[in-house]
Amino acid sequence: MKFLWLAPIVIVADQVSKQIVQTSMSLHDSTPVLGDFFRLTYIHNAGAAFGLKVGPPFVHTAISVVALFALVWLFRSVPRDNRIMRPALSLVLGGALGNIIDRVRLGMVVDFFDVGIGTLRWPVFNVADSFVTIGILLIAFSYLQQGPHKEAAPSNADPTA
């Protein structure tokens, strides 16, 4: 399927990066990359995106699997020639699968990108999260490009009513 090849690339990039972090860092280690602004900080995230908690870990996995099926359905419903929506959905699909792999394998997700200034920090995230975010932004852009959909007035409407 056109553009679906992006998903395995995202999965491999995500899983390889997590493996590198797990083998080269100890849990909760933090290494500055661009001073305090960007650090590699190895953590385990048992919650949802950005550490949000909606129940025990199996609930997060179940929600992720349901979302995965919704993404596949969406991907199949988008025209093959859509050059924004299909790649965007492939990026989200790959990112979702990367994090589901962690949840099934470890019961949690490996996160390590740590961005912020001083105590004002974005929640620690990973490669899969990055691709999901990029994909969602592209989906939003695609919808914005379509413009507003105007409802047509019924042809038998009484103009005096």
Protein backbone atom coordinates (compact mmCIF):
# COMPACT_ATOMS: atom_id res chain seq x y z
CA MET A 1 0.00 0.00 0.00
CA LYS A 2 1.31 3.37 -0.98
CA PHE A 3 3.30 5.11 1.83
CA LEU A 4 2.79 2.24 4.29
CA TRP A 5 6.53 1.48 3.97
CA LEU A 6 7.14 4.45 6.30
CA ALA A 7 5.71 2.60 9.31
CA PRO A 8 8.43 -0.11 9.50
CA ILE A 9 11.13 2.55 9.15
CA VAL A 10 9.65 4.41 12.12
CA ILE A 11 9.42 1.18 14.14
CA VAL A 12 13.05 0.26 13.43
CA ALA A 13 14.33 3.78 14.22
CA ASP A 14 12.33 3.78 17.45
CA GLN A 15 13.35 0.32 18.63
CA VAL A 16 17.04 0.77 17.70
CA SER A 17 17.21 4.13 19.52
CA LYS A 18 15.59 2.60 22.62
CA GLN A 19 17.99 -0.34 22.53
CA ILE A 20 20.97 2.02 22.33
CA VAL A 21 19.69 4.01 25.31
CA GLN A 22 18.98 0.86 27.35
CA THR A 23 22.42 -0.60 26.72
CA SER A 24 24.43 2.62 27.13
CA MET A 25 22.62 4.29 30.06
CA SER A 26 21.31 3.29 33.45
CA LEU A 27 17.70 3.99 34.33
CA HIS A 28 17.26 7.68 35.38
CA ASP A 29 20.69 8.67 34.00
CA SER A 30 20.71 12.08 32.32
CA THR A 31 23.34 13.27 29.86
CA PRO A 32 23.43 16.87 28.58
CA VAL A 33 23.53 17.12 24.76
CA LEU A 34 22.86 20.85 24.30
CA GLY A 35 23.49 21.99 27.85
CA ASP A 36 20.41 21.98 30.04
CA PHE A 37 18.08 22.62 27.07
CA PHE A 38 18.36 19.12 25.54
CA ARG A 39 19.36 16.05 27.52
CA LEU A 40 19.14 12.32 27.11
CA THR A 41 17.34 11.09 30.22
CA TYR A 42 16.50 7.39 30.37
CA ILE A 43 13.14 6.70 32.04
CA HIS A 44 10.35 4.13 31.92
CA ASN A 45 6.86 5.47 31.27
CA ALA A 46 4.04 3.21 32.48
CA GLY A 47 1.46 5.87 31.58
CA ALA A 48 0.11 7.11 28.27
CA ALA A 49 1.64 9.83 26.13
CA PHE A 50 3.64 12.33 28.17
CA GLY A 51 3.15 10.28 31.34
CA LEU A 52 -0.63 10.70 31.57
CA LYS A 53 -2.18 7.90 33.60
CA VAL A 54 -5.58 6.45 32.69
CA GLY A 55 -5.39 3.26 34.70
CA PRO A 56 -3.09 0.24 35.03
CA PRO A 57 -0.58 -0.55 32.25
CA PHE A 58 -2.82 -3.15 30.56
CA VAL A 59 -5.44 -0.40 30.02
CA HIS A 60 -2.84 1.69 28.16
CA THR A 61 -1.96 -1.32 26.02
CA ALA A 62 -5.65 -2.02 25.26
CA ILE A 63 -6.30 1.60 24.32
CA SER A 64 -3.19 1.56 22.10
CA VAL A 65 -4.35 -1.58 20.28
CA VAL A 66 -7.84 -0.12 19.70
CA ALA A 67 -6.23 3.09 18.38
CA LEU A 68 -4.02 0.95 16.14
CA PHE A 69 -7.06 -0.67 14.52
CA ALA A 70 -8.65 2.76 14.06
CA LEU A 71 -5.45 3.98 12.34
CA VAL A 72 -5.43 0.99 9.99
CA TRP A 73 -9.09 1.60 9.13
CA LEU A 74 -8.39 5.29 8.52
CA PHE A 75 -5.35 4.48 6.37
CA ARG A 76 -7.41 2.12 4.22
CA SER A 77 -10.17 4.71 3.80
CA VAL A 78 -7.88 7.51 2.56
CA PRO A 79 -7.42 7.68 -1.23
CA ARG A 80 -4.15 6.11 -2.38
CA ASP A 81 -2.99 9.31 -4.03
CA ASN A 82 -3.34 11.48 -0.91
CA ARG A 83 0.26 12.65 -0.51
CA ILE A 84 -0.20 14.15 2.95
CA MET A 85 -2.74 12.04 4.83
CA ARG A 86 -1.39 8.58 3.92
CA PRO A 87 2.25 9.31 4.90
CA ALA A 88 1.01 11.09 8.04
CA LEU A 89 -1.08 8.07 9.06
CA SER A 90 1.90 5.80 8.33
CA LEU A 91 4.07 7.87 10.70
CA VAL A 92 1.42 7.71 13.44
CA LEU A 93 0.96 3.98 12.83
CA GLY A 94 4.71 3.30 13.06
CA GLY A 95 5.03 5.36 16.24
CA ALA A 96 2.03 3.66 17.83
CA LEU A 97 3.45 0.23 16.99
CA GLY A 98 6.85 1.18 18.38
CA ASN A 99 5.33 2.06 21.73
CA ILE A 100 3.01 -0.97 21.70
CA ILE A 101 6.06 -3.19 21.23
CA ASP A 102 7.54 -1.67 24.41
CA ARG A 103 4.28 -2.10 26.33
CA VAL A 104 3.98 -5.77 25.35
CA ARG A 105 7.68 -6.52 25.86
CA LEU A 106 8.39 -4.43 28.99
CA GLY A 107 4.99 -3.40 30.38
CA MET A 108 6.03 0.23 29.87
CA VAL A 109 7.58 2.57 27.29
CA VAL A 110 11.24 3.63 27.14
CA ASP A 111 11.57 7.43 26.92
CA PHE A 112 14.75 9.49 26.71
CA PHE A 113 14.43 12.86 24.93
CA ASP A 114 14.37 15.53 27.64
CA VAL A 115 13.80 19.13 26.49
CA GLY A 116 13.30 22.31 28.51
CA ILE A 117 14.83 25.18 30.41
CA GLY A 118 15.62 24.72 34.08
CA THR A 119 12.59 23.28 35.86
CA LEU A 120 10.29 24.06 32.89
CA ARG A 121 10.60 20.77 31.03
CA TRP A 122 8.50 19.00 28.44
CA PRO A 123 7.63 15.43 29.50
CA VAL A 124 10.40 13.03 28.44
CA PHE A 125 9.55 11.33 25.11
CA ASN A 126 11.00 9.02 22.45
CA VAL A 127 11.38 8.58 18.68
CA ALA A 128 7.94 6.95 18.34
CA ASP A 129 6.30 9.89 20.13
CA SER A 130 8.12 12.28 17.79
CA PHE A 131 6.78 10.56 14.68
CA VAL A 132 3.26 10.38 16.14
CA THR A 133 3.41 14.13 16.76
CA ILE A 134 4.73 14.86 13.26
CA GLY A 135 2.03 12.63 11.77
CA ILE A 136 -0.74 14.34 13.74
CA LEU A 137 0.53 17.77 12.68
CA LEU A 138 0.50 16.63 9.05
CA ILE A 139 -3.05 15.28 9.46
CA ALA A 140 -4.15 18.64 10.87
CA PHE A 141 -2.40 20.42 7.98
CA SER A 142 -4.16 18.11 5.51
CA TYR A 143 -7.56 18.98 6.99
CA LEU A 144 -6.72 22.68 6.92
CA GLN A 145 -5.73 22.40 3.24
CA GLN A 146 -9.15 20.94 2.42
CA GLY A 147 -10.85 24.14 3.59
CA PRO A 148 -14.29 24.45 5.13
CA HIS A 149 -17.04 22.21 3.79
CA LYS A 150 -20.15 24.19 3.02
CA GLU A 151 -23.51 22.54 3.33
CA ALA A 152 -25.63 22.78 0.24
CA ALA A 153 -29.12 24.11 0.77
CA PRO A 154 -31.86 21.63 -0.13
CA SER A 155 -33.14 22.30 -3.64
CA ASN A 156 -36.76 22.16 -2.55
CA ALA A 157 -36.30 24.70 0.26
CA ASP A 158 -38.87 27.48 0.40
CA PRO A 159 -36.88 30.77 0.06
CA THR A 160 -39.61 32.66 1.95
CA ALA A 161 -39.51 30.39 4.98
